[in-house]
Amino acid sequence: MTDNLGPLRQAMSDLSELGGTADMYERTLRRSRQVQRRRAVATGVAVAAVFAIGGTATFATLHRPDPLLPPAATPTSVDPQKPTCPSTESLGTLVELPAGWSFASRPVECVETWAAVDVERPDDNAIIYLFHYTAGTGWRLQDQSTGWDCKELGLTEPATFCTS
């Protein structure tokens, strides 16, 4: 069996003269450049978002009040080395006593930059809260115990809350 492919070949030849050649190289380059531009834009947006979030978090962290520091009782003294002895009420704002505990009715004892107040407990065991004054921050709770060594506290004057 013989096929007559002559007319088919002629039709294909005529079509190829009209159509020209397919230029795949230019289309590939154009698509490659488009992908590069999209990746560059996406990377730039991601970097900008990271800096924006990081900057916002840093700004918020630097401008928030420190929640770890309790409020300080403000002295009325002009000399920061010899602060005015605080009241029991003002020292009470610096600490939260456990349930059933209260400050004794005896006044606060102050020696130099130290203040001590007796605490009454339900079990009738004596305990003393010791506060220290620092210029700029005011009175802060230092410790709770039954007594301290005056030399370790740097006291030169005698105090009833010292054991030696």
C-alpha atoms as a PDB file:
ATOM      1  CA  MET A   1       0.000   0.000   0.000  1.00  0.00           C
ATOM      2  CA  THR A   2       1.326   3.339  -0.971  1.00  0.00           C
ATOM      3  CA  ASP A   3       0.299   6.584   0.485  1.00  0.00           C
ATOM      4  CA  ASN A   4       0.188   9.769  -1.418  1.00  0.00           C
ATOM      5  CA  LEU A   5       1.780  12.212   1.018  1.00  0.00           C
ATOM      6  CA  GLY A   6       2.667  14.840  -1.571  1.00  0.00           C
ATOM      7  CA  PRO A   7      -0.387  17.087  -1.027  1.00  0.00           C
ATOM      8  CA  LEU A   8       0.080  16.857   2.727  1.00  0.00           C
ATOM      9  CA  ARG A   9       3.721  17.836   2.470  1.00  0.00           C
ATOM     10  CA  GLN A  10       2.833  20.771   0.251  1.00  0.00           C
ATOM     11  CA  ALA A  11       0.193  22.024   2.727  1.00  0.00           C
ATOM     12  CA  MET A  12       2.658  21.775   5.615  1.00  0.00           C
ATOM     13  CA  SER A  13       5.293  23.676   3.668  1.00  0.00           C
ATOM     14  CA  ASP A  14       2.813  26.455   2.891  1.00  0.00           C
ATOM     15  CA  LEU A  15       1.828  26.717   6.546  1.00  0.00           C
ATOM     16  CA  SER A  16       5.438  26.930   7.728  1.00  0.00           C
ATOM     17  CA  GLU A  17       6.111  29.866   5.416  1.00  0.00           C
ATOM     18  CA  LEU A  18       3.189  31.781   6.892  1.00  0.00           C
ATOM     19  CA  GLY A  19       3.740  30.991  10.591  1.00  0.00           C
ATOM     20  CA  GLY A  20       7.422  31.788  11.115  1.00  0.00           C
ATOM     21  CA  THR A  21       9.478  30.281  13.910  1.00  0.00           C
ATOM     22  CA  ALA A  22       8.451  29.967  17.550  1.00  0.00           C
ATOM     23  CA  ASP A  23      10.683  32.097  19.814  1.00  0.00           C
ATOM     24  CA  MET A  24      10.790  30.185  23.106  1.00  0.00           C
ATOM     25  CA  TYR A  25      14.019  31.824  24.283  1.00  0.00           C
ATOM     26  CA  GLU A  26      12.548  35.339  24.634  1.00  0.00           C
ATOM     27  CA  ARG A  27       9.458  34.035  26.425  1.00  0.00           C
ATOM     28  CA  THR A  28      11.649  32.103  28.887  1.00  0.00           C
ATOM     29  CA  LEU A  29      13.757  35.189  29.657  1.00  0.00           C
ATOM     30  CA  ARG A  30      10.646  37.334  30.172  1.00  0.00           C
ATOM     31  CA  ARG A  31       9.137  34.794  32.599  1.00  0.00           C
ATOM     32  CA  SER A  32      12.431  34.464  34.494  1.00  0.00           C
ATOM     33  CA  ARG A  33      12.660  38.235  34.991  1.00  0.00           C
ATOM     34  CA  GLN A  34       9.044  38.345  36.158  1.00  0.00           C
ATOM     35  CA  VAL A  35       9.715  35.630  38.776  1.00  0.00           C
ATOM     36  CA  GLN A  36      12.844  37.499  39.977  1.00  0.00           C
ATOM     37  CA  ARG A  37      10.883  40.732  40.439  1.00  0.00           C
ATOM     38  CA  ARG A  38       8.137  38.961  42.404  1.00  0.00           C
ATOM     39  CA  ARG A  39      10.684  37.296  44.687  1.00  0.00           C
ATOM     40  CA  ALA A  40      12.495  40.600  45.300  1.00  0.00           C
ATOM     41  CA  VAL A  41       9.240  42.361  46.202  1.00  0.00           C
ATOM     42  CA  ALA A  42       8.141  39.510  48.492  1.00  0.00           C
ATOM     43  CA  THR A  43      11.525  39.505  50.262  1.00  0.00           C
ATOM     44  CA  GLY A  44      11.401  43.288  50.724  1.00  0.00           C
ATOM     45  CA  VAL A  45       7.904  43.122  52.182  1.00  0.00           C
ATOM     46  CA  ALA A  46       8.920  40.327  54.573  1.00  0.00           C
ATOM     47  CA  VAL A  47      11.999  42.248  55.779  1.00  0.00           C
ATOM     48  CA  ALA A  48       9.946  45.414  56.282  1.00  0.00           C
ATOM     49  CA  ALA A  49       7.331  43.464  58.275  1.00  0.00           C
ATOM     50  CA  VAL A  50       9.993  41.932  60.523  1.00  0.00           C
ATOM     51  CA  PHE A  51      11.532  45.342  61.243  1.00  0.00           C
ATOM     52  CA  ALA A  52       8.121  46.902  61.859  1.00  0.00           C
ATOM     53  CA  ILE A  53       7.084  44.184  64.315  1.00  0.00           C
ATOM     54  CA  GLY A  54      10.481  44.149  66.031  1.00  0.00           C
ATOM     55  CA  GLY A  55      10.570  47.942  66.299  1.00  0.00           C
ATOM     56  CA  THR A  56       7.056  48.058  67.715  1.00  0.00           C
ATOM     57  CA  ALA A  57       7.849  45.368  70.284  1.00  0.00           C
ATOM     58  CA  THR A  58      11.075  47.129  71.301  1.00  0.00           C
ATOM     59  CA  PHE A  59       9.320  50.487  71.589  1.00  0.00           C
ATOM     60  CA  ALA A  60       6.534  48.977  73.701  1.00  0.00           C
ATOM     61  CA  THR A  61       9.028  47.182  75.948  1.00  0.00           C
ATOM     62  CA  LEU A  62      11.122  50.290  76.526  1.00  0.00           C
ATOM     63  CA  HIS A  63       8.148  52.518  77.291  1.00  0.00           C
ATOM     64  CA  ARG A  64       6.191  50.357  79.726  1.00  0.00           C
ATOM     65  CA  PRO A  65       6.365  50.817  83.493  1.00  0.00           C
ATOM     66  CA  ASP A  66       8.329  48.216  85.408  1.00  0.00           C
ATOM     67  CA  PRO A  67       5.721  45.920  87.008  1.00  0.00           C
ATOM     68  CA  LEU A  68       8.234  44.238  89.302  1.00  0.00           C
ATOM     69  CA  LEU A  69       8.924  47.267  91.490  1.00  0.00           C
ATOM     70  CA  PRO A  70       6.412  48.001  94.256  1.00  0.00           C
ATOM     71  CA  PRO A  71       5.518  51.641  94.855  1.00  0.00           C
ATOM     72  CA  ALA A  72       7.857  53.497  97.173  1.00  0.00           C
ATOM     73  CA  ALA A  73       6.827  55.541 100.176  1.00  0.00           C
ATOM     74  CA  THR A  74       7.950  59.097  99.567  1.00  0.00           C
ATOM     75  CA  PRO A  75       9.879  60.791 102.348  1.00  0.00           C
ATOM     76  CA  THR A  76       9.130  64.343 103.354  1.00  0.00           C
ATOM     77  CA  SER A  77      12.726  65.022 104.326  1.00  0.00           C
ATOM     78  CA  VAL A  78      14.923  67.403 102.354  1.00  0.00           C
ATOM     79  CA  ASP A  79      18.157  65.580 103.298  1.00  0.00           C
ATOM     80  CA  PRO A  80      18.314  62.233 101.411  1.00  0.00           C
ATOM     81  CA  GLN A  81      20.865  60.866 103.914  1.00  0.00           C
ATOM     82  CA  LYS A  82      18.446  61.370 106.848  1.00  0.00           C
ATOM     83  CA  PRO A  83      14.957  60.594 105.578  1.00  0.00           C
ATOM     84  CA  THR A  84      11.878  61.307 107.646  1.00  0.00           C
ATOM     85  CA  CYS A  85      10.637  58.227 109.466  1.00  0.00           C
ATOM     86  CA  PRO A  86       7.656  56.810 107.552  1.00  0.00           C
ATOM     87  CA  SER A  87       4.320  56.024 109.158  1.00  0.00           C
ATOM     88  CA  THR A  88       2.948  52.529 109.598  1.00  0.00           C
ATOM     89  CA  GLU A  89       0.288  53.371 107.016  1.00  0.00           C
ATOM     90  CA  SER A  90       2.832  54.405 104.359  1.00  0.00           C
ATOM     91  CA  LEU A  91       4.894  51.253 104.953  1.00  0.00           C
ATOM     92  CA  GLY A  92       1.693  49.215 104.719  1.00  0.00           C
ATOM     93  CA  THR A  93       1.328  50.312 101.097  1.00  0.00           C
ATOM     94  CA  LEU A  94       4.660  48.656 100.260  1.00  0.00           C
ATOM     95  CA  VAL A  95       3.808  45.138 101.418  1.00  0.00           C
ATOM     96  CA  GLU A  96       0.870  42.783 101.393  1.00  0.00           C
ATOM     97  CA  LEU A  97       0.662  40.988 104.711  1.00  0.00           C
ATOM     98  CA  PRO A  98      -0.644  37.413 104.819  1.00  0.00           C
ATOM     99  CA  ALA A  99      -4.179  36.828 106.084  1.00  0.00           C
ATOM    100  CA  GLY A 100      -4.426  37.357 109.845  1.00  0.00           C
ATOM    101  CA  TRP A 101      -1.199  39.384 110.069  1.00  0.00           C
ATOM    102  CA  SER A 102      -1.144  43.116 110.898  1.00  0.00           C
ATOM    103  CA  PHE A 103       1.298  45.813 111.860  1.00  0.00           C
ATOM    104  CA  ALA A 104       1.605  46.280 115.614  1.00  0.00           C
ATOM    105  CA  SER A 105       0.228  49.406 117.238  1.00  0.00           C
ATOM    106  CA  ARG A 106       3.767  50.330 118.320  1.00  0.00           C
ATOM    107  CA  PRO A 107       5.227  53.141 116.168  1.00  0.00           C
ATOM    108  CA  VAL A 108       7.822  52.550 113.457  1.00  0.00           C
ATOM    109  CA  GLU A 109      11.416  52.618 114.737  1.00  0.00           C
ATOM    110  CA  CYS A 110      13.818  54.498 112.477  1.00  0.00           C
ATOM    111  CA  VAL A 111      17.615  54.518 112.695  1.00  0.00           C
ATOM    112  CA  GLU A 112      19.569  56.319 109.948  1.00  0.00           C
ATOM    113  CA  THR A 113      18.193  54.915 106.635  1.00  0.00           C
ATOM    114  CA  TRP A 114      16.483  51.893 108.211  1.00  0.00           C
ATOM    115  CA  ALA A 115      12.928  51.528 109.496  1.00  0.00           C
ATOM    116  CA  ALA A 116      11.499  48.556 111.393  1.00  0.00           C
ATOM    117  CA  VAL A 117       7.927  47.722 112.270  1.00  0.00           C
ATOM    118  CA  ASP A 118       6.606  44.856 114.391  1.00  0.00           C
ATOM    119  CA  VAL A 119       4.135  42.470 112.812  1.00  0.00           C
ATOM    120  CA  GLU A 120       1.468  40.663 114.824  1.00  0.00           C
ATOM    121  CA  ARG A 121       0.682  37.112 113.716  1.00  0.00           C
ATOM    122  CA  PRO A 122      -2.048  34.669 114.835  1.00  0.00           C
ATOM    123  CA  ASP A 123       0.538  32.238 116.273  1.00  0.00           C
ATOM    124  CA  ASP A 124       1.920  34.968 118.592  1.00  0.00           C
ATOM    125  CA  ASN A 125       5.468  34.603 117.217  1.00  0.00           C
ATOM    126  CA  ALA A 126       7.230  37.959 116.905  1.00  0.00           C
ATOM    127  CA  ILE A 127       8.474  39.076 113.522  1.00  0.00           C
ATOM    128  CA  ILE A 128       9.845  42.399 112.302  1.00  0.00           C
ATOM    129  CA  TYR A 129       9.687  43.862 108.803  1.00  0.00           C
ATOM    130  CA  LEU A 130      12.805  45.858 107.926  1.00  0.00           C
ATOM    131  CA  PHE A 131      12.653  48.671 105.358  1.00  0.00           C
ATOM    132  CA  HIS A 132      15.570  50.542 103.783  1.00  0.00           C
ATOM    133  CA  TYR A 133      15.588  54.035 102.302  1.00  0.00           C
ATOM    134  CA  THR A 134      17.507  54.785  99.099  1.00  0.00           C
ATOM    135  CA  ALA A 135      17.604  58.240  97.530  1.00  0.00           C
ATOM    136  CA  GLY A 136      15.601  58.288  94.315  1.00  0.00           C
ATOM    137  CA  THR A 137      13.554  55.173  95.046  1.00  0.00           C
ATOM    138  CA  GLY A 138      12.378  55.825  98.598  1.00  0.00           C
ATOM    139  CA  TRP A 139      11.472  53.180 101.168  1.00  0.00           C
ATOM    140  CA  ARG A 140      11.558  49.510 100.132  1.00  0.00           C
ATOM    141  CA  LEU A 141      11.005  46.271 102.032  1.00  0.00           C
ATOM    142  CA  GLN A 142      14.434  44.806 102.770  1.00  0.00           C
ATOM    143  CA  ASP A 143      13.788  41.708 104.885  1.00  0.00           C
ATOM    144  CA  GLN A 144      11.651  40.069 107.561  1.00  0.00           C
ATOM    145  CA  SER A 145      13.176  38.385 110.591  1.00  0.00           C
ATOM    146  CA  THR A 146      13.414  38.548 114.369  1.00  0.00           C
ATOM    147  CA  GLY A 147      16.575  40.687 114.326  1.00  0.00           C
ATOM    148  CA  TRP A 148      19.661  41.728 112.368  1.00  0.00           C
ATOM    149  CA  ASP A 149      23.330  42.453 112.991  1.00  0.00           C
ATOM    150  CA  CYS A 150      23.717  46.263 113.105  1.00  0.00           C
ATOM    151  CA  LYS A 151      27.267  46.076 111.736  1.00  0.00           C
ATOM    152  CA  GLU A 152      26.069  44.179 108.648  1.00  0.00           C
ATOM    153  CA  LEU A 153      23.432  46.855 108.064  1.00  0.00           C
ATOM    154  CA  GLY A 154      26.106  49.558 108.385  1.00  0.00           C
ATOM    155  CA  LEU A 155      24.442  51.156 111.413  1.00  0.00           C
ATOM    156  CA  THR A 156      26.543  53.222 113.763  1.00  0.00           C
ATOM    157  CA  GLU A 157      23.677  53.959 116.165  1.00  0.00           C
ATOM    158  CA  PRO A 158      22.022  51.323 118.394  1.00  0.00           C
ATOM    159  CA  ALA A 159      18.616  49.963 117.363  1.00  0.00           C
ATOM    160  CA  THR A 160      16.156  47.668 119.129  1.00  0.00           C
ATOM    161  CA  PHE A 161      15.731  45.563 115.985  1.00  0.00           C
ATOM    162  CA  CYS A 162      19.441  44.635 116.045  1.00  0.00           C
ATOM    163  CA  THR A 163      20.637  41.508 117.816  1.00  0.00           C
ATOM    164  CA  SER A 164      24.215  42.782 118.213  1.00  0.00           C
END
